Amino acid sequence: MASPRAVPQAKDFVLWFVLAALASMMLLAVTNHITQNVASIPFMWVLPLTLYLITFVLCFEGRGGRGFYVRKFWLLPTLIMICLMAWGITAKYGFLSIDIAIPLYCAGLFLVCMFCHGELAAAKPAARYLTRFYLILSLGGAVGGMFVGLVAPKLFTAYWELPLGLGALALMALVLTMHHLANLGKQPIFAAAPLLAVVSLLG
């Protein structure tokens, strides 16, 4: 996590952009999956959007701008949910029953958005740099949405948006926590969970 007084560097801009893009990408990927492959229920898209917005409020509210996100409490459940969502895509060719699929993917979306928005809140710079920060967040969110809505349907012949998003999230979690592993008591769990999610996607 960057010091709040530090001048943002190029790597900070990249981090903000990627996290915002991943959150937006997962919102649309999960929405498309549960409305097209799980159940065609009117206004079902409202639930994922609500969860996405709630995580943004929870992570950015409060004094200091970090909200309810604390990495050591949220990371492991998020990694476990990434693995479960990856399993859900492959189990029975991705067609789980409604009573399993909707809670699974909605809970997964909530956790991965808490991870993305929480890490963004933790990386928020000093007030003098907030204009750049929120501009990059907006650009990242727009690019993530455009990838799922416009690019992916023309680029892929199968539905790869959700698997790619899960794999990218697992790798991002691994990258963000690698330099913190020395301070964690259960290093193998934190190191193996993201890799397990990626392997599950490729299986």
N, C-alpha and C. Protein backbone atom coordinates (compact mmCIF):
# COMPACT_ATOMS: atom_id res chain seq x y z
N MET A 1 0.84 -1.19 0.00
CA MET A 1 0.00 0.00 0.00
C MET A 1 0.88 1.24 0.00
N ALA A 2 0.57 2.16 -0.87
CA ALA A 2 1.36 3.37 -0.98
C ALA A 2 1.06 4.31 0.17
N SER A 3 2.08 5.06 0.57
CA SER A 3 1.88 6.07 1.61
C SER A 3 0.94 7.15 1.10
N PRO A 4 -0.02 7.61 1.95
CA PRO A 4 -0.98 8.61 1.50
C PRO A 4 -0.33 9.93 1.10
N ARG A 5 0.92 10.16 1.55
CA ARG A 5 1.60 11.40 1.21
C ARG A 5 2.49 11.26 -0.02
N ALA A 6 2.67 10.04 -0.49
CA ALA A 6 3.57 9.81 -1.61
C ALA A 6 2.98 10.34 -2.90
N VAL A 7 3.85 10.80 -3.78
CA VAL A 7 3.42 11.23 -5.11
C VAL A 7 3.12 9.99 -5.93
N PRO A 8 1.94 9.88 -6.55
CA PRO A 8 1.61 8.69 -7.34
C PRO A 8 2.61 8.46 -8.47
N GLN A 9 3.04 7.21 -8.60
CA GLN A 9 3.94 6.82 -9.66
C GLN A 9 3.16 6.09 -10.75
N ALA A 10 3.86 5.75 -11.83
CA ALA A 10 3.21 5.05 -12.95
C ALA A 10 2.59 3.73 -12.49
N LYS A 11 3.27 3.01 -11.59
CA LYS A 11 2.73 1.74 -11.12
C LYS A 11 1.42 1.94 -10.34
N ASP A 12 1.29 3.08 -9.67
CA ASP A 12 0.06 3.38 -8.95
C ASP A 12 -1.10 3.60 -9.92
N PHE A 13 -0.84 4.32 -11.01
CA PHE A 13 -1.87 4.53 -12.02
C PHE A 13 -2.31 3.20 -12.63
N VAL A 14 -1.34 2.33 -12.89
CA VAL A 14 -1.66 1.01 -13.46
C VAL A 14 -2.50 0.20 -12.48
N LEU A 15 -2.12 0.23 -11.21
CA LEU A 15 -2.86 -0.51 -10.19
C LEU A 15 -4.29 -0.01 -10.09
N TRP A 16 -4.49 1.30 -10.04
CA TRP A 16 -5.84 1.86 -9.97
C TRP A 16 -6.66 1.44 -11.18
N PHE A 17 -6.06 1.55 -12.35
CA PHE A 17 -6.76 1.23 -13.59
C PHE A 17 -7.18 -0.24 -13.61
N VAL A 18 -6.26 -1.14 -13.28
CA VAL A 18 -6.54 -2.57 -13.37
C VAL A 18 -7.60 -2.98 -12.36
N LEU A 19 -7.50 -2.50 -11.13
CA LEU A 19 -8.49 -2.86 -10.10
C LEU A 19 -9.88 -2.37 -10.48
N ALA A 20 -9.98 -1.14 -10.98
CA ALA A 20 -11.28 -0.61 -11.39
C ALA A 20 -11.83 -1.38 -12.59
N ALA A 21 -10.95 -1.73 -13.52
CA ALA A 21 -11.39 -2.48 -14.70
C ALA A 21 -11.85 -3.88 -14.31
N LEU A 22 -11.16 -4.53 -13.38
CA LEU A 22 -11.55 -5.87 -12.95
C LEU A 22 -12.90 -5.86 -12.26
N ALA A 23 -13.14 -4.88 -11.40
CA ALA A 23 -14.43 -4.80 -10.71
C ALA A 23 -15.57 -4.62 -11.71
N SER A 24 -15.39 -3.71 -12.67
CA SER A 24 -16.41 -3.49 -13.68
C SER A 24 -16.59 -4.71 -14.58
N MET A 25 -15.48 -5.34 -14.94
CA MET A 25 -15.54 -6.54 -15.77
C MET A 25 -16.31 -7.66 -15.08
N MET A 26 -16.04 -7.85 -13.77
CA MET A 26 -16.73 -8.91 -13.04
C MET A 26 -18.21 -8.60 -12.87
N LEU A 27 -18.54 -7.33 -12.68
CA LEU A 27 -19.96 -6.96 -12.58
C LEU A 27 -20.72 -7.41 -13.82
N LEU A 28 -20.21 -7.07 -14.99
CA LEU A 28 -20.92 -7.41 -16.22
C LEU A 28 -20.82 -8.90 -16.54
N ALA A 29 -19.65 -9.51 -16.26
CA ALA A 29 -19.49 -10.93 -16.56
C ALA A 29 -20.43 -11.78 -15.71
N VAL A 30 -20.51 -11.47 -14.42
CA VAL A 30 -21.41 -12.22 -13.54
C VAL A 30 -22.87 -11.96 -13.91
N THR A 31 -23.20 -10.70 -14.20
CA THR A 31 -24.57 -10.37 -14.60
C THR A 31 -24.97 -11.14 -15.85
N ASN A 32 -24.10 -11.15 -16.85
CA ASN A 32 -24.39 -11.89 -18.08
C ASN A 32 -24.55 -13.38 -17.82
N HIS A 33 -23.70 -13.91 -16.95
CA HIS A 33 -23.73 -15.34 -16.69
C HIS A 33 -25.02 -15.76 -16.01
N ILE A 34 -25.42 -15.03 -14.96
CA ILE A 34 -26.60 -15.47 -14.22
C ILE A 34 -27.90 -15.14 -14.96
N THR A 35 -27.88 -14.14 -15.84
CA THR A 35 -29.11 -13.80 -16.57
C THR A 35 -29.24 -14.58 -17.87
N GLN A 36 -28.14 -15.06 -18.43
CA GLN A 36 -28.20 -15.78 -19.69
C GLN A 36 -28.02 -17.29 -19.53
N ASN A 37 -27.16 -17.70 -18.60
CA ASN A 37 -26.85 -19.13 -18.44
C ASN A 37 -27.52 -19.78 -17.25
N VAL A 38 -28.00 -18.98 -16.30
CA VAL A 38 -28.59 -19.55 -15.09
C VAL A 38 -30.10 -19.39 -15.09
N ALA A 39 -30.59 -18.17 -15.15
CA ALA A 39 -32.03 -17.95 -15.09
C ALA A 39 -32.37 -16.62 -15.76
N SER A 40 -33.31 -16.66 -16.67
CA SER A 40 -33.75 -15.44 -17.34
C SER A 40 -34.90 -14.83 -16.55
N ILE A 41 -34.53 -14.13 -15.48
CA ILE A 41 -35.51 -13.52 -14.56
C ILE A 41 -35.51 -12.02 -14.78
N PRO A 42 -36.69 -11.41 -14.96
CA PRO A 42 -36.75 -9.95 -15.18
C PRO A 42 -36.09 -9.18 -14.03
N PHE A 43 -35.31 -8.19 -14.40
CA PHE A 43 -34.64 -7.30 -13.45
C PHE A 43 -33.62 -8.01 -12.56
N MET A 44 -33.18 -9.20 -12.96
CA MET A 44 -32.15 -9.89 -12.18
C MET A 44 -30.85 -9.09 -12.17
N TRP A 45 -30.63 -8.29 -13.22
CA TRP A 45 -29.40 -7.50 -13.30
C TRP A 45 -29.30 -6.46 -12.19
N VAL A 46 -30.42 -6.15 -11.53
CA VAL A 46 -30.40 -5.15 -10.46
C VAL A 46 -29.60 -5.66 -9.27
N LEU A 47 -29.68 -6.96 -8.99
CA LEU A 47 -29.00 -7.52 -7.81
C LEU A 47 -27.47 -7.39 -7.92
N PRO A 48 -26.84 -7.83 -9.02
CA PRO A 48 -25.38 -7.64 -9.11
C PRO A 48 -24.97 -6.17 -9.06
N LEU A 49 -25.73 -5.31 -9.73
CA LEU A 49 -25.39 -3.88 -9.71
C LEU A 49 -25.47 -3.32 -8.30
N THR A 50 -26.49 -3.73 -7.54
CA THR A 50 -26.64 -3.27 -6.16
C THR A 50 -25.46 -3.72 -5.31
N LEU A 51 -25.05 -4.98 -5.46
CA LEU A 51 -23.91 -5.49 -4.70
C LEU A 51 -22.63 -4.72 -5.04
N TYR A 52 -22.45 -4.45 -6.32
CA TYR A 52 -21.28 -3.68 -6.77
C TYR A 52 -21.25 -2.31 -6.10
N LEU A 53 -22.37 -1.61 -6.11
CA LEU A 53 -22.43 -0.27 -5.54
C LEU A 53 -22.27 -0.30 -4.02
N ILE A 54 -22.82 -1.33 -3.36
CA ILE A 54 -22.69 -1.45 -1.91
C ILE A 54 -21.22 -1.60 -1.53
N THR A 55 -20.47 -2.41 -2.28
CA THR A 55 -19.06 -2.58 -1.95
C THR A 55 -18.29 -1.27 -2.10
N PHE A 56 -18.66 -0.49 -3.09
CA PHE A 56 -18.00 0.80 -3.29
C PHE A 56 -18.23 1.70 -2.08
N VAL A 57 -19.47 1.72 -1.59
CA VAL A 57 -19.80 2.55 -0.41
C VAL A 57 -19.08 2.03 0.83
N LEU A 58 -19.10 0.71 1.03
CA LEU A 58 -18.49 0.13 2.22
C LEU A 58 -16.99 0.38 2.27
N CYS A 59 -16.35 0.36 1.10
CA CYS A 59 -14.90 0.50 1.07
C CYS A 59 -14.44 1.95 1.16
N PHE A 60 -15.23 2.89 0.64
CA PHE A 60 -14.77 4.26 0.58
C PHE A 60 -15.40 5.15 1.65
N GLU A 61 -16.38 4.63 2.40
CA GLU A 61 -16.98 5.48 3.42
C GLU A 61 -16.07 5.57 4.63
N GLY A 62 -16.37 6.53 5.48
CA GLY A 62 -15.67 6.64 6.75
C GLY A 62 -14.42 7.49 6.68
N ARG A 63 -13.96 7.86 7.85
CA ARG A 63 -12.77 8.70 7.96
C ARG A 63 -11.54 7.89 7.57
N GLY A 64 -10.72 8.45 6.72
CA GLY A 64 -9.53 7.75 6.26
C GLY A 64 -9.77 7.05 4.94
N GLY A 65 -11.04 6.87 4.54
CA GLY A 65 -11.35 6.34 3.23
C GLY A 65 -11.13 4.86 3.05
N ARG A 66 -10.93 4.08 4.12
CA ARG A 66 -10.70 2.65 3.95
C ARG A 66 -11.93 1.83 4.28
N GLY A 67 -12.92 2.45 4.92
CA GLY A 67 -14.17 1.77 5.15
C GLY A 67 -14.02 0.47 5.91
N PHE A 68 -14.74 -0.56 5.44
CA PHE A 68 -14.80 -1.84 6.14
C PHE A 68 -13.78 -2.85 5.60
N TYR A 69 -12.98 -2.46 4.65
CA TYR A 69 -12.05 -3.42 4.06
C TYR A 69 -10.74 -3.47 4.84
N VAL A 70 -10.42 -4.67 5.33
CA VAL A 70 -9.12 -4.95 5.93
C VAL A 70 -8.61 -6.21 5.25
N ARG A 71 -7.49 -6.09 4.58
CA ARG A 71 -7.01 -7.17 3.71
C ARG A 71 -6.94 -8.52 4.42
N LYS A 72 -6.40 -8.57 5.63
CA LYS A 72 -6.18 -9.85 6.28
C LYS A 72 -7.49 -10.57 6.63
N PHE A 73 -8.60 -9.82 6.70
CA PHE A 73 -9.89 -10.43 6.99
C PHE A 73 -10.64 -10.82 5.71
N TRP A 74 -10.45 -10.08 4.65
CA TRP A 74 -11.24 -10.29 3.43
C TRP A 74 -10.54 -11.14 2.38
N LEU A 75 -9.22 -11.21 2.42
CA LEU A 75 -8.49 -11.84 1.31
C LEU A 75 -8.78 -13.33 1.19
N LEU A 76 -8.64 -14.07 2.28
CA LEU A 76 -8.81 -15.52 2.19
C LEU A 76 -10.23 -15.91 1.76
N PRO A 77 -11.30 -15.33 2.34
CA PRO A 77 -12.65 -15.66 1.83
C PRO A 77 -12.81 -15.32 0.35
N THR A 78 -12.18 -14.24 -0.10
CA THR A 78 -12.28 -13.87 -1.51
C THR A 78 -11.60 -14.90 -2.39
N LEU A 79 -10.44 -15.36 -1.99
CA LEU A 79 -9.71 -16.36 -2.77
C LEU A 79 -10.48 -17.68 -2.81
N ILE A 80 -11.07 -18.05 -1.69
CA ILE A 80 -11.87 -19.28 -1.66
C ILE A 80 -13.07 -19.15 -2.59
N MET A 81 -13.71 -17.98 -2.60
CA MET A 81 -14.87 -17.78 -3.46
C MET A 81 -14.47 -17.76 -4.94
N ILE A 82 -13.28 -17.24 -5.24
CA ILE A 82 -12.80 -17.29 -6.62
C ILE A 82 -12.68 -18.75 -7.08
N CYS A 83 -12.16 -19.59 -6.22
CA CYS A 83 -12.04 -21.02 -6.54
C CYS A 83 -13.42 -21.65 -6.73
N LEU A 84 -14.38 -21.31 -5.88
CA LEU A 84 -15.72 -21.87 -5.99
C LEU A 84 -16.42 -21.41 -7.26
N MET A 85 -16.23 -20.14 -7.62
CA MET A 85 -16.83 -19.64 -8.86
C MET A 85 -16.19 -20.31 -10.07
N ALA A 86 -14.88 -20.54 -10.00
CA ALA A 86 -14.21 -21.26 -11.09
C ALA A 86 -14.74 -22.68 -11.20
N TRP A 87 -14.96 -23.31 -10.05
CA TRP A 87 -15.55 -24.65 -10.06
C TRP A 87 -16.96 -24.62 -10.65
N GLY A 88 -17.72 -23.59 -10.32
CA GLY A 88 -19.09 -23.50 -10.81
C GLY A 88 -19.17 -23.39 -12.32
N ILE A 89 -18.15 -22.80 -12.94
CA ILE A 89 -18.15 -22.68 -14.40
C ILE A 89 -17.97 -24.05 -15.06
N THR A 90 -17.12 -24.88 -14.44
CA THR A 90 -16.80 -26.17 -15.04
C THR A 90 -17.75 -27.28 -14.60
N ALA A 91 -18.35 -27.15 -13.42
CA ALA A 91 -19.24 -28.19 -12.92
C ALA A 91 -20.49 -28.29 -13.80
N LYS A 92 -20.76 -29.46 -14.30
CA LYS A 92 -21.92 -29.70 -15.18
C LYS A 92 -21.97 -28.69 -16.32
N TYR A 93 -20.78 -28.42 -16.88
CA TYR A 93 -20.67 -27.49 -18.01
C TYR A 93 -21.16 -26.08 -17.66
N GLY A 94 -21.06 -25.73 -16.40
CA GLY A 94 -21.40 -24.38 -15.98
C GLY A 94 -22.87 -24.15 -15.70
N PHE A 95 -23.70 -25.19 -15.80
CA PHE A 95 -25.13 -25.01 -15.58
C PHE A 95 -25.52 -25.59 -14.23
N LEU A 96 -25.33 -24.81 -13.18
CA LEU A 96 -25.75 -25.20 -11.85
C LEU A 96 -27.21 -24.83 -11.65
N SER A 97 -27.85 -25.46 -10.68
CA SER A 97 -29.24 -25.12 -10.40
C SER A 97 -29.33 -23.70 -9.87
N ILE A 98 -30.49 -23.09 -10.03
CA ILE A 98 -30.67 -21.68 -9.66
C ILE A 98 -30.37 -21.44 -8.18
N ASP A 99 -30.83 -22.34 -7.31
CA ASP A 99 -30.67 -22.12 -5.88
C ASP A 99 -29.21 -22.22 -5.43
N ILE A 100 -28.34 -22.75 -6.27
CA ILE A 100 -26.91 -22.79 -5.97
C ILE A 100 -26.17 -21.69 -6.72
N ALA A 101 -26.49 -21.54 -7.99
CA ALA A 101 -25.72 -20.63 -8.85
C ALA A 101 -25.89 -19.17 -8.46
N ILE A 102 -27.11 -18.73 -8.24
CA ILE A 102 -27.33 -17.31 -7.96
C ILE A 102 -26.68 -16.89 -6.64
N PRO A 103 -26.87 -17.62 -5.52
CA PRO A 103 -26.15 -17.23 -4.30
C PRO A 103 -24.63 -17.31 -4.46
N LEU A 104 -24.16 -18.33 -5.19
CA LEU A 104 -22.71 -18.49 -5.37
C LEU A 104 -22.10 -17.30 -6.10
N TYR A 105 -22.67 -16.95 -7.24
CA TYR A 105 -22.08 -15.89 -8.04
C TYR A 105 -22.34 -14.51 -7.47
N CYS A 106 -23.46 -14.32 -6.80
CA CYS A 106 -23.70 -13.02 -6.16
C CYS A 106 -22.78 -12.82 -4.96
N ALA A 107 -22.61 -13.86 -4.15
CA ALA A 107 -21.67 -13.76 -3.03
C ALA A 107 -20.25 -13.58 -3.54
N GLY A 108 -19.93 -14.29 -4.63
CA GLY A 108 -18.60 -14.14 -5.21
C GLY A 108 -18.37 -12.75 -5.75
N LEU A 109 -19.36 -12.20 -6.42
CA LEU A 109 -19.23 -10.83 -6.93
C LEU A 109 -19.03 -9.84 -5.79
N PHE A 110 -19.78 -10.02 -4.72
CA PHE A 110 -19.64 -9.12 -3.57
C PHE A 110 -18.22 -9.15 -3.03
N LEU A 111 -17.66 -10.36 -2.88
CA LEU A 111 -16.33 -10.48 -2.30
C LEU A 111 -15.25 -9.94 -3.23
N VAL A 112 -15.33 -10.25 -4.51
CA VAL A 112 -14.28 -9.77 -5.42
C VAL A 112 -14.37 -8.26 -5.59
N CYS A 113 -15.57 -7.70 -5.54
CA CYS A 113 -15.69 -6.24 -5.61
C CYS A 113 -15.21 -5.59 -4.32
N MET A 114 -15.43 -6.25 -3.19
CA MET A 114 -14.86 -5.75 -1.94
C MET A 114 -13.34 -5.74 -2.02
N PHE A 115 -12.78 -6.78 -2.63
CA PHE A 115 -11.33 -6.85 -2.78
C PHE A 115 -10.83 -5.71 -3.67
N CYS A 116 -11.44 -5.55 -4.85
CA CYS A 116 -10.99 -4.52 -5.79
C CYS A 116 -11.19 -3.12 -5.22
N HIS A 117 -12.38 -2.84 -4.72
CA HIS A 117 -12.65 -1.51 -4.20
C HIS A 117 -11.90 -1.25 -2.89
N GLY A 118 -11.73 -2.30 -2.09
CA GLY A 118 -10.97 -2.13 -0.85
C GLY A 118 -9.51 -1.81 -1.11
N GLU A 119 -8.92 -2.51 -2.07
CA GLU A 119 -7.54 -2.22 -2.42
C GLU A 119 -7.41 -0.83 -3.04
N LEU A 120 -8.41 -0.42 -3.80
CA LEU A 120 -8.41 0.94 -4.34
C LEU A 120 -8.47 1.97 -3.22
N ALA A 121 -9.35 1.74 -2.26
CA ALA A 121 -9.47 2.67 -1.13
C ALA A 121 -8.16 2.73 -0.35
N ALA A 122 -7.52 1.57 -0.18
CA ALA A 122 -6.25 1.53 0.55
C ALA A 122 -5.14 2.25 -0.20
N ALA A 123 -5.25 2.27 -1.53
CA ALA A 123 -4.22 2.92 -2.36
C ALA A 123 -4.55 4.37 -2.69
N LYS A 124 -5.63 4.90 -2.12
CA LYS A 124 -6.05 6.27 -2.44
C LYS A 124 -4.97 7.26 -2.01
N PRO A 125 -4.59 8.17 -2.91
CA PRO A 125 -3.51 9.11 -2.59
C PRO A 125 -4.00 10.29 -1.76
N ALA A 126 -3.11 11.23 -1.54
CA ALA A 126 -3.46 12.45 -0.82
C ALA A 126 -4.50 13.25 -1.60
N ALA A 127 -5.16 14.16 -0.89
CA ALA A 127 -6.27 14.91 -1.49
C ALA A 127 -5.89 15.65 -2.76
N ARG A 128 -4.65 16.12 -2.84
CA ARG A 128 -4.23 16.90 -4.00
C ARG A 128 -4.17 16.06 -5.27
N TYR A 129 -4.15 14.71 -5.12
CA TYR A 129 -4.06 13.82 -6.29
C TYR A 129 -5.37 13.08 -6.55
N LEU A 130 -6.43 13.44 -5.83
CA LEU A 130 -7.68 12.68 -5.96
C LEU A 130 -8.34 12.83 -7.33
N THR A 131 -8.13 13.97 -7.98
CA THR A 131 -8.72 14.14 -9.31
C THR A 131 -8.18 13.10 -10.27
N ARG A 132 -6.86 12.88 -10.25
CA ARG A 132 -6.26 11.84 -11.09
C ARG A 132 -6.76 10.46 -10.69
N PHE A 133 -6.85 10.25 -9.38
CA PHE A 133 -7.27 8.95 -8.87
C PHE A 133 -8.65 8.57 -9.40
N TYR A 134 -9.62 9.48 -9.25
CA TYR A 134 -10.98 9.16 -9.68
C TYR A 134 -11.11 9.16 -11.20
N LEU A 135 -10.27 9.91 -11.89
CA LEU A 135 -10.27 9.86 -13.34
C LEU A 135 -9.81 8.49 -13.82
N ILE A 136 -8.75 7.96 -13.21
CA ILE A 136 -8.26 6.63 -13.59
C ILE A 136 -9.29 5.57 -13.24
N LEU A 137 -9.97 5.71 -12.09
CA LEU A 137 -11.03 4.77 -11.73
C LEU A 137 -12.13 4.76 -12.77
N SER A 138 -12.52 5.94 -13.23
CA SER A 138 -13.57 6.03 -14.24
C SER A 138 -13.14 5.39 -15.55
N LEU A 139 -11.90 5.65 -15.95
CA LEU A 139 -11.39 5.06 -17.18
C LEU A 139 -11.30 3.54 -17.08
N GLY A 140 -10.80 3.06 -15.94
CA GLY A 140 -10.71 1.62 -15.74
C GLY A 140 -12.07 0.94 -15.76
N GLY A 141 -13.05 1.55 -15.08
CA GLY A 141 -14.40 0.99 -15.08
C GLY A 141 -15.00 0.96 -16.46
N ALA A 142 -14.77 2.02 -17.23
CA ALA A 142 -15.31 2.08 -18.60
C ALA A 142 -14.67 1.03 -19.49
N VAL A 143 -13.35 0.87 -19.37
CA VAL A 143 -12.65 -0.12 -20.20
C VAL A 143 -13.08 -1.53 -19.84
N GLY A 144 -13.22 -1.82 -18.55
CA GLY A 144 -13.68 -3.15 -18.13
C GLY A 144 -15.06 -3.46 -18.68
N GLY A 145 -15.96 -2.48 -18.62
CA GLY A 145 -17.30 -2.69 -19.17
C GLY A 145 -17.30 -2.83 -20.67
N MET A 146 -16.48 -2.04 -21.36
CA MET A 146 -16.41 -2.13 -22.82
C MET A 146 -15.83 -3.46 -23.27
N PHE A 147 -14.89 -3.99 -22.49
CA PHE A 147 -14.31 -5.28 -22.85
C PHE A 147 -15.37 -6.38 -22.85
N VAL A 148 -16.18 -6.41 -21.79
CA VAL A 148 -17.22 -7.44 -21.69
C VAL A 148 -18.34 -7.20 -22.69
N GLY A 149 -18.75 -5.94 -22.82
CA GLY A 149 -19.92 -5.65 -23.65
C GLY A 149 -19.64 -5.56 -25.14
N LEU A 150 -18.43 -5.11 -25.52
CA LEU A 150 -18.17 -4.85 -26.93
C LEU A 150 -17.06 -5.72 -27.52
N VAL A 151 -15.95 -5.85 -26.80
CA VAL A 151 -14.79 -6.53 -27.36
C VAL A 151 -14.91 -8.05 -27.29
N ALA A 152 -15.24 -8.57 -26.11
CA ALA A 152 -15.28 -10.02 -25.92
C ALA A 152 -16.23 -10.74 -26.87
N PRO A 153 -17.45 -10.25 -27.11
CA PRO A 153 -18.34 -10.96 -28.04
C PRO A 153 -17.77 -11.08 -29.46
N LYS A 154 -16.94 -10.14 -29.86
CA LYS A 154 -16.35 -10.18 -31.20
C LYS A 154 -15.03 -10.94 -31.21
N LEU A 155 -14.38 -11.00 -30.05
CA LEU A 155 -13.06 -11.61 -29.97
C LEU A 155 -13.13 -13.11 -29.70
N PHE A 156 -14.11 -13.55 -28.91
CA PHE A 156 -14.21 -14.95 -28.51
C PHE A 156 -15.43 -15.62 -29.13
N THR A 157 -15.29 -16.92 -29.40
CA THR A 157 -16.43 -17.70 -29.89
C THR A 157 -17.17 -18.38 -28.76
N ALA A 158 -16.59 -18.40 -27.56
CA ALA A 158 -17.22 -18.97 -26.37
C ALA A 158 -17.23 -17.90 -25.28
N TYR A 159 -17.91 -18.21 -24.16
CA TYR A 159 -18.05 -17.25 -23.07
C TYR A 159 -16.82 -17.32 -22.17
N TRP A 160 -15.84 -16.46 -22.44
CA TRP A 160 -14.58 -16.47 -21.70
C TRP A 160 -14.45 -15.29 -20.74
N GLU A 161 -15.40 -14.40 -20.72
CA GLU A 161 -15.26 -13.20 -19.90
C GLU A 161 -15.12 -13.52 -18.41
N LEU A 162 -15.99 -14.40 -17.92
CA LEU A 162 -15.96 -14.73 -16.49
C LEU A 162 -14.71 -15.52 -16.11
N PRO A 163 -14.34 -16.57 -16.87
CA PRO A 163 -13.09 -17.27 -16.53
C PRO A 163 -11.87 -16.37 -16.57
N LEU A 164 -11.78 -15.49 -17.56
CA LEU A 164 -10.64 -14.58 -17.64
C LEU A 164 -10.63 -13.61 -16.46
N GLY A 165 -11.81 -13.13 -16.08
CA GLY A 165 -11.89 -12.22 -14.94
C GLY A 165 -11.45 -12.90 -13.65
N LEU A 166 -11.87 -14.14 -13.44
CA LEU A 166 -11.48 -14.86 -12.23
C LEU A 166 -9.98 -15.13 -12.20
N GLY A 167 -9.44 -15.52 -13.35
CA GLY A 167 -8.01 -15.76 -13.40
C GLY A 167 -7.22 -14.49 -13.15
N ALA A 168 -7.66 -13.37 -13.72
CA ALA A 168 -6.97 -12.10 -13.50
C ALA A 168 -7.06 -11.66 -12.05
N LEU A 169 -8.21 -11.88 -11.43
CA LEU A 169 -8.36 -11.54 -10.01
C LEU A 169 -7.44 -12.37 -9.14
N ALA A 170 -7.34 -13.66 -9.43
CA ALA A 170 -6.47 -14.53 -8.64
C ALA A 170 -5.02 -14.08 -8.76
N LEU A 171 -4.59 -13.75 -9.96
CA LEU A 171 -3.22 -13.29 -10.16
C LEU A 171 -3.00 -11.93 -9.50
N MET A 172 -3.99 -11.04 -9.57
CA MET A 172 -3.87 -9.73 -8.93
C MET A 172 -3.75 -9.89 -7.42
N ALA A 173 -4.54 -10.78 -6.84
CA ALA A 173 -4.45 -11.02 -5.40
C ALA A 173 -3.07 -11.54 -5.02
N LEU A 174 -2.52 -12.41 -5.87
CA LEU A 174 -1.19 -12.94 -5.60
C LEU A 174 -0.14 -11.84 -5.68
N VAL A 175 -0.23 -10.99 -6.69
CA VAL A 175 0.74 -9.91 -6.86
C VAL A 175 0.67 -8.91 -5.70
N LEU A 176 -0.55 -8.54 -5.31
CA LEU A 176 -0.71 -7.53 -4.27
C LEU A 176 -0.27 -8.01 -2.89
N THR A 177 -0.34 -9.32 -2.67
CA THR A 177 -0.02 -9.84 -1.34
C THR A 177 1.35 -10.48 -1.26
N MET A 178 2.07 -10.60 -2.37
CA MET A 178 3.36 -11.29 -2.35
C MET A 178 4.33 -10.66 -1.37
N HIS A 179 4.38 -9.32 -1.34
CA HIS A 179 5.34 -8.66 -0.46
C HIS A 179 4.88 -8.62 0.99
N HIS A 180 3.64 -9.11 1.24
CA HIS A 180 3.13 -9.17 2.61
C HIS A 180 3.20 -10.59 3.17
N LEU A 181 3.59 -11.57 2.37
CA LEU A 181 3.54 -12.97 2.81
C LEU A 181 4.46 -13.23 4.00
N ALA A 182 5.55 -12.50 4.09
CA ALA A 182 6.49 -12.73 5.18
C ALA A 182 5.87 -12.41 6.54
N ASN A 183 4.82 -11.57 6.55
CA ASN A 183 4.17 -11.17 7.80
C ASN A 183 2.95 -12.01 8.13
N LEU A 184 2.64 -13.00 7.27
CA LEU A 184 1.44 -13.81 7.47
C LEU A 184 1.82 -15.15 8.09
N GLY A 185 0.98 -15.63 8.97
CA GLY A 185 1.27 -16.89 9.65
C GLY A 185 1.11 -18.12 8.77
N LYS A 186 0.15 -18.09 7.83
CA LYS A 186 -0.13 -19.24 6.99
C LYS A 186 0.21 -18.91 5.55
N GLN A 187 1.48 -18.80 5.29
CA GLN A 187 1.94 -18.40 3.98
C GLN A 187 1.50 -19.34 2.86
N PRO A 188 1.60 -20.66 3.01
CA PRO A 188 1.23 -21.54 1.90
C PRO A 188 -0.21 -21.38 1.45
N ILE A 189 -1.13 -21.12 2.38
CA ILE A 189 -2.53 -20.97 2.02
C ILE A 189 -2.71 -19.75 1.13
N PHE A 190 -2.12 -18.64 1.52
CA PHE A 190 -2.29 -17.41 0.75
C PHE A 190 -1.58 -17.50 -0.60
N ALA A 191 -0.49 -18.23 -0.66
CA ALA A 191 0.23 -18.34 -1.92
C ALA A 191 -0.44 -19.32 -2.86
N ALA A 192 -1.05 -20.38 -2.31
CA ALA A 192 -1.59 -21.43 -3.17
C ALA A 192 -3.00 -21.13 -3.66
N ALA A 193 -3.77 -20.38 -2.90
CA ALA A 193 -5.16 -20.17 -3.27
C ALA A 193 -5.34 -19.50 -4.62
N PRO A 194 -4.61 -18.41 -4.93
CA PRO A 194 -4.78 -17.82 -6.26
C PRO A 194 -4.37 -18.76 -7.37
N LEU A 195 -3.28 -19.52 -7.14
CA LEU A 195 -2.84 -20.45 -8.17
C LEU A 195 -3.85 -21.56 -8.37
N LEU A 196 -4.48 -22.00 -7.29
CA LEU A 196 -5.51 -23.03 -7.39
C LEU A 196 -6.67 -22.54 -8.24
N ALA A 197 -7.04 -21.29 -8.08
CA ALA A 197 -8.13 -20.74 -8.88
C ALA A 197 -7.79 -20.74 -10.38
N VAL A 198 -6.55 -20.37 -10.70
CA VAL A 198 -6.13 -20.36 -12.09
C VAL A 198 -6.12 -21.76 -12.66
N VAL A 199 -5.59 -22.70 -11.89
CA VAL A 199 -5.57 -24.10 -12.35
C VAL A 199 -6.98 -24.62 -12.57
N SER A 200 -7.91 -24.23 -11.68
CA SER A 200 -9.29 -24.67 -11.82
C SER A 200 -9.90 -24.17 -13.13
N LEU A 201 -9.53 -22.95 -13.51
CA LEU A 201 -10.05 -22.38 -14.76
C LEU A 201 -9.51 -23.11 -15.98
N LEU A 202 -8.30 -23.61 -15.88
CA LEU A 202 -7.68 -24.27 -17.02
C LEU A 202 -8.03 -25.74 -17.09
N GLY A 203 -8.63 -26.27 -16.01
CA GLY A 203 -8.93 -27.70 -15.95
C GLY A 203 -10.13 -28.09 -16.79
